[in-house]
Amino acid sequence: MPLAFESLSHGTIAFGFFNIESDLLLLEHYFVFATDFCRFIEDMAVKSNEERYKNKWPVYAIEERENIGDLMGAIHGIRHTGFIGDVYRRFPFPNNIENFKQKLTGYQSQALIRDIILRYARQVHIAISVAKGVFEIDIGQYRFSRMAFQGLVRYVWRGGYPRWKDELRPDYILAMKDKIEDHPHGLFENIQFE
């Protein structure tokens, strides 16, 4: 389930997984698969000692709030609107709350989720920018402090809320952590993974 994170540019915004059968993350109105997010973070970590890091991430953008959908309505099975509603029609919230854990195999649903999101979103490239010594990052239109950005990374590491099933993590999550620990500079300095 997405959680609230503080941005420097837009106040409190939502970030996180929104369905346990998918590895798709939302960042307010941007959507990116966790496999891609982790790969982008690895690249950023490797280049974290450079004077300026710039990149463009391909993401899905849903501009109209009603096209994103009603997460709580979809979870409760009472309001399946927009993209999130379509995902929950396909992958309903588990009947047993003990089964509410982020699944390691979420990446396997990417083709299906991509087909669904393309009904609502367009793929765009958002600018990523980090200046050495500033300890802030721009992700598209959102700006985060180092602490908030590290919170985003730790959220993905944990599997968000409700966490990874059986506390096991997919290989792409482990690879991201290893790369960050090999390059603990700039935004990644002093990051704690628990």
Protein backbone atom coordinates (compact mmCIF):
# COMPACT_ATOMS: atom_id res chain seq x y z
CA MET A 1 0.00 0.00 0.00
CA PRO A 2 1.38 3.44 -0.84
CA LEU A 3 2.48 5.59 2.05
CA ALA A 4 2.78 9.35 2.46
CA PHE A 5 6.21 10.87 1.86
CA GLU A 6 7.24 14.50 2.19
CA SER A 7 8.50 16.21 -0.93
CA LEU A 8 10.21 19.59 -0.92
CA SER A 9 8.19 20.71 -3.92
CA HIS A 10 4.63 19.42 -3.41
CA GLY A 11 4.26 18.61 0.28
CA THR A 12 2.94 15.16 1.12
CA ILE A 13 2.66 12.76 -1.81
CA ALA A 14 1.90 9.06 -2.20
CA PHE A 15 4.56 6.52 -3.13
CA GLY A 16 4.53 2.76 -3.21
CA PHE A 17 3.17 -0.58 -4.27
CA PHE A 18 -0.61 -0.68 -4.54
CA ASN A 19 -1.34 -4.34 -5.36
CA ILE A 20 0.50 -7.39 -4.01
CA GLU A 21 0.37 -9.20 -7.37
CA SER A 22 2.26 -6.45 -9.21
CA ASP A 23 5.63 -4.78 -8.77
CA LEU A 24 4.29 -1.50 -10.15
CA LEU A 25 5.03 1.52 -7.96
CA LEU A 26 3.16 4.78 -8.00
CA LEU A 27 4.74 8.14 -7.29
CA GLU A 28 1.63 10.34 -7.04
CA HIS A 29 0.64 10.23 -10.75
CA TYR A 30 3.76 8.54 -12.18
CA PHE A 31 3.97 4.74 -12.35
CA VAL A 32 7.15 2.68 -12.72
CA PHE A 33 7.84 -1.03 -12.33
CA ALA A 34 10.03 -1.80 -9.33
CA THR A 35 12.42 -3.78 -11.54
CA ASP A 36 13.05 -0.58 -13.53
CA PHE A 37 13.12 1.64 -10.43
CA CYS A 38 15.82 -0.56 -8.88
CA ARG A 39 17.84 -0.56 -12.09
CA PHE A 40 17.62 3.26 -12.21
CA ILE A 41 18.72 3.48 -8.56
CA GLU A 42 21.68 1.18 -9.26
CA ASP A 43 22.80 3.46 -12.10
CA MET A 44 22.44 6.49 -9.85
CA ALA A 45 24.46 4.80 -7.09
CA VAL A 46 27.31 3.91 -9.46
CA LYS A 47 27.47 7.55 -10.57
CA SER A 48 26.80 9.05 -7.13
CA ASN A 49 30.26 10.58 -6.85
CA GLU A 50 29.91 12.61 -10.06
CA GLU A 51 29.46 16.40 -9.94
CA ARG A 52 25.98 16.17 -11.42
CA TYR A 53 23.84 13.15 -12.16
CA LYS A 54 21.20 13.54 -14.86
CA ASN A 55 19.03 10.93 -16.45
CA LYS A 56 15.57 10.42 -17.90
CA TRP A 57 13.37 7.65 -16.58
CA PRO A 58 10.61 6.20 -18.75
CA VAL A 59 7.45 6.08 -16.63
CA TYR A 60 3.72 5.95 -17.14
CA ALA A 61 1.87 9.16 -16.32
CA ILE A 62 -1.84 9.36 -15.55
CA GLU A 63 -2.74 13.03 -15.50
CA GLU A 64 -6.44 12.80 -14.54
CA ARG A 65 -6.92 11.82 -10.89
CA GLU A 66 -10.16 9.93 -11.66
CA ASN A 67 -8.26 7.81 -14.19
CA ILE A 68 -5.88 6.67 -11.43
CA GLY A 69 -8.81 5.24 -9.47
CA ASP A 70 -9.90 4.73 -5.88
CA LEU A 71 -7.43 2.49 -4.03
CA MET A 72 -9.46 2.09 -0.84
CA GLY A 73 -12.66 1.45 -2.80
CA ALA A 74 -10.87 -1.19 -4.87
CA ILE A 75 -9.31 -2.84 -1.80
CA HIS A 76 -12.75 -3.13 -0.20
CA GLY A 77 -14.25 -4.36 -3.48
CA ILE A 78 -16.87 -1.60 -3.59
CA ARG A 79 -15.53 0.86 -6.15
CA HIS A 80 -13.48 -0.32 -9.11
CA THR A 81 -12.74 2.91 -10.96
CA GLY A 82 -9.85 3.88 -13.20
CA PHE A 83 -6.58 2.03 -13.58
CA ILE A 84 -6.39 0.83 -9.97
CA GLY A 85 -9.95 -0.48 -10.17
CA ASP A 86 -9.11 -2.48 -13.29
CA VAL A 87 -6.06 -3.98 -11.56
CA TYR A 88 -8.14 -4.98 -8.52
CA ARG A 89 -10.80 -6.56 -10.74
CA ARG A 90 -8.03 -8.82 -12.05
CA PHE A 91 -6.17 -9.20 -8.73
CA PRO A 92 -8.62 -8.68 -5.82
CA PHE A 93 -7.50 -7.95 -2.28
CA PRO A 94 -6.95 -11.28 -0.46
CA ASN A 95 -9.84 -12.59 1.65
CA ASN A 96 -7.43 -13.54 4.43
CA ILE A 97 -5.47 -10.53 5.75
CA GLU A 98 -2.53 -12.86 6.53
CA ASN A 99 -2.07 -13.21 2.75
CA PHE A 100 -1.63 -9.44 2.38
CA LYS A 101 2.10 -9.52 1.58
CA GLN A 102 3.96 -8.16 -1.42
CA LYS A 103 4.73 -11.12 -3.68
CA LEU A 104 8.20 -11.91 -4.98
CA THR A 105 6.67 -12.83 -8.34
CA GLY A 106 4.97 -9.47 -8.91
CA TYR A 107 7.29 -8.75 -11.83
CA GLN A 108 5.70 -11.67 -13.70
CA SER A 109 2.47 -9.70 -14.17
CA GLN A 110 4.18 -6.77 -15.94
CA ALA A 111 2.84 -7.56 -19.43
CA LEU A 112 -0.74 -7.73 -18.16
CA ILE A 113 -0.36 -4.61 -16.00
CA ARG A 114 1.23 -2.75 -18.92
CA ASP A 115 -1.78 -3.59 -21.10
CA ILE A 116 -4.11 -2.23 -18.42
CA ILE A 117 -2.19 0.97 -17.66
CA LEU A 118 -1.87 1.91 -21.33
CA ARG A 119 -5.66 2.38 -21.38
CA TYR A 120 -5.21 5.27 -18.94
CA ALA A 121 -1.63 6.51 -19.16
CA ARG A 122 0.94 7.68 -21.60
CA GLN A 123 4.58 6.79 -21.37
CA VAL A 124 6.77 9.80 -20.71
CA HIS A 125 10.40 10.41 -19.81
CA ILE A 126 10.87 12.34 -16.59
CA ALA A 127 14.07 14.20 -15.79
CA ILE A 128 16.17 13.04 -12.85
CA SER A 129 18.74 15.45 -11.47
CA VAL A 130 21.12 15.35 -8.52
CA ALA A 131 23.85 17.91 -7.86
CA LYS A 132 26.81 16.73 -5.78
CA GLY A 133 26.79 18.28 -2.33
CA VAL A 134 23.19 19.53 -2.54
CA PHE A 135 21.62 16.32 -1.14
CA GLU A 136 18.36 16.77 -3.02
CA ILE A 137 16.94 14.96 -6.01
CA ASP A 138 14.44 15.98 -8.66
CA ILE A 139 12.29 13.12 -9.92
CA GLY A 140 10.16 14.62 -12.64
CA GLN A 141 8.25 17.50 -11.07
CA TYR A 142 8.92 16.32 -7.51
CA ARG A 143 11.91 17.32 -5.37
CA PHE A 144 13.03 15.27 -2.37
CA SER A 145 15.58 15.73 0.39
CA ARG A 146 18.16 13.02 0.90
CA MET A 147 16.24 11.70 3.91
CA ALA A 148 12.95 11.50 2.00
CA PHE A 149 14.63 9.93 -1.04
CA GLN A 150 16.27 7.32 1.18
CA GLY A 151 12.81 6.67 2.60
CA LEU A 152 11.56 5.84 -0.92
CA VAL A 153 14.45 3.42 -1.46
CA ARG A 154 13.96 1.79 1.96
CA TYR A 155 10.23 1.43 1.28
CA VAL A 156 10.99 -0.61 -1.88
CA TRP A 157 13.62 -2.61 0.02
CA ARG A 158 11.05 -3.52 2.71
CA GLY A 159 8.30 -4.34 0.22
CA GLY A 160 6.35 -1.35 1.44
CA TYR A 161 3.39 -1.96 3.60
CA PRO A 162 2.69 -4.93 4.05
CA ARG A 163 6.35 -5.95 3.40
CA TRP A 164 7.70 -8.77 1.24
CA LYS A 165 6.10 -12.17 1.69
CA ASP A 166 8.12 -14.26 4.18
CA GLU A 167 10.60 -11.33 4.34
CA LEU A 168 12.23 -12.70 1.16
CA ARG A 169 13.22 -10.22 -1.54
CA PRO A 170 13.47 -10.59 -5.32
CA ASP A 171 16.95 -10.64 -6.83
CA TYR A 172 16.52 -7.17 -8.34
CA ILE A 173 15.94 -5.72 -4.85
CA LEU A 174 19.05 -7.43 -3.48
CA ALA A 175 21.10 -6.19 -6.46
CA MET A 176 19.96 -2.61 -5.80
CA LYS A 177 20.99 -2.82 -2.14
CA ASP A 178 24.39 -4.30 -3.05
CA LYS A 179 25.06 -1.53 -5.57
CA ILE A 180 24.12 1.17 -3.06
CA GLU A 181 26.33 -0.37 -0.40
CA ASP A 182 29.21 -0.48 -2.90
CA HIS A 183 28.71 3.25 -3.65
CA PRO A 184 27.58 4.96 -0.42
CA HIS A 185 28.04 8.53 -1.66
CA GLY A 186 25.85 11.61 -1.95
CA LEU A 187 22.17 10.74 -1.63
CA PHE A 188 23.09 7.23 -0.49
CA GLU A 189 25.42 8.26 2.31
CA ASN A 190 24.48 6.68 5.66
CA ILE A 191 21.41 4.90 4.26
CA GLN A 192 20.20 2.21 6.66
CA PHE A 193 18.46 -0.90 5.33
CA GLU A 194 17.50 -2.13 8.87
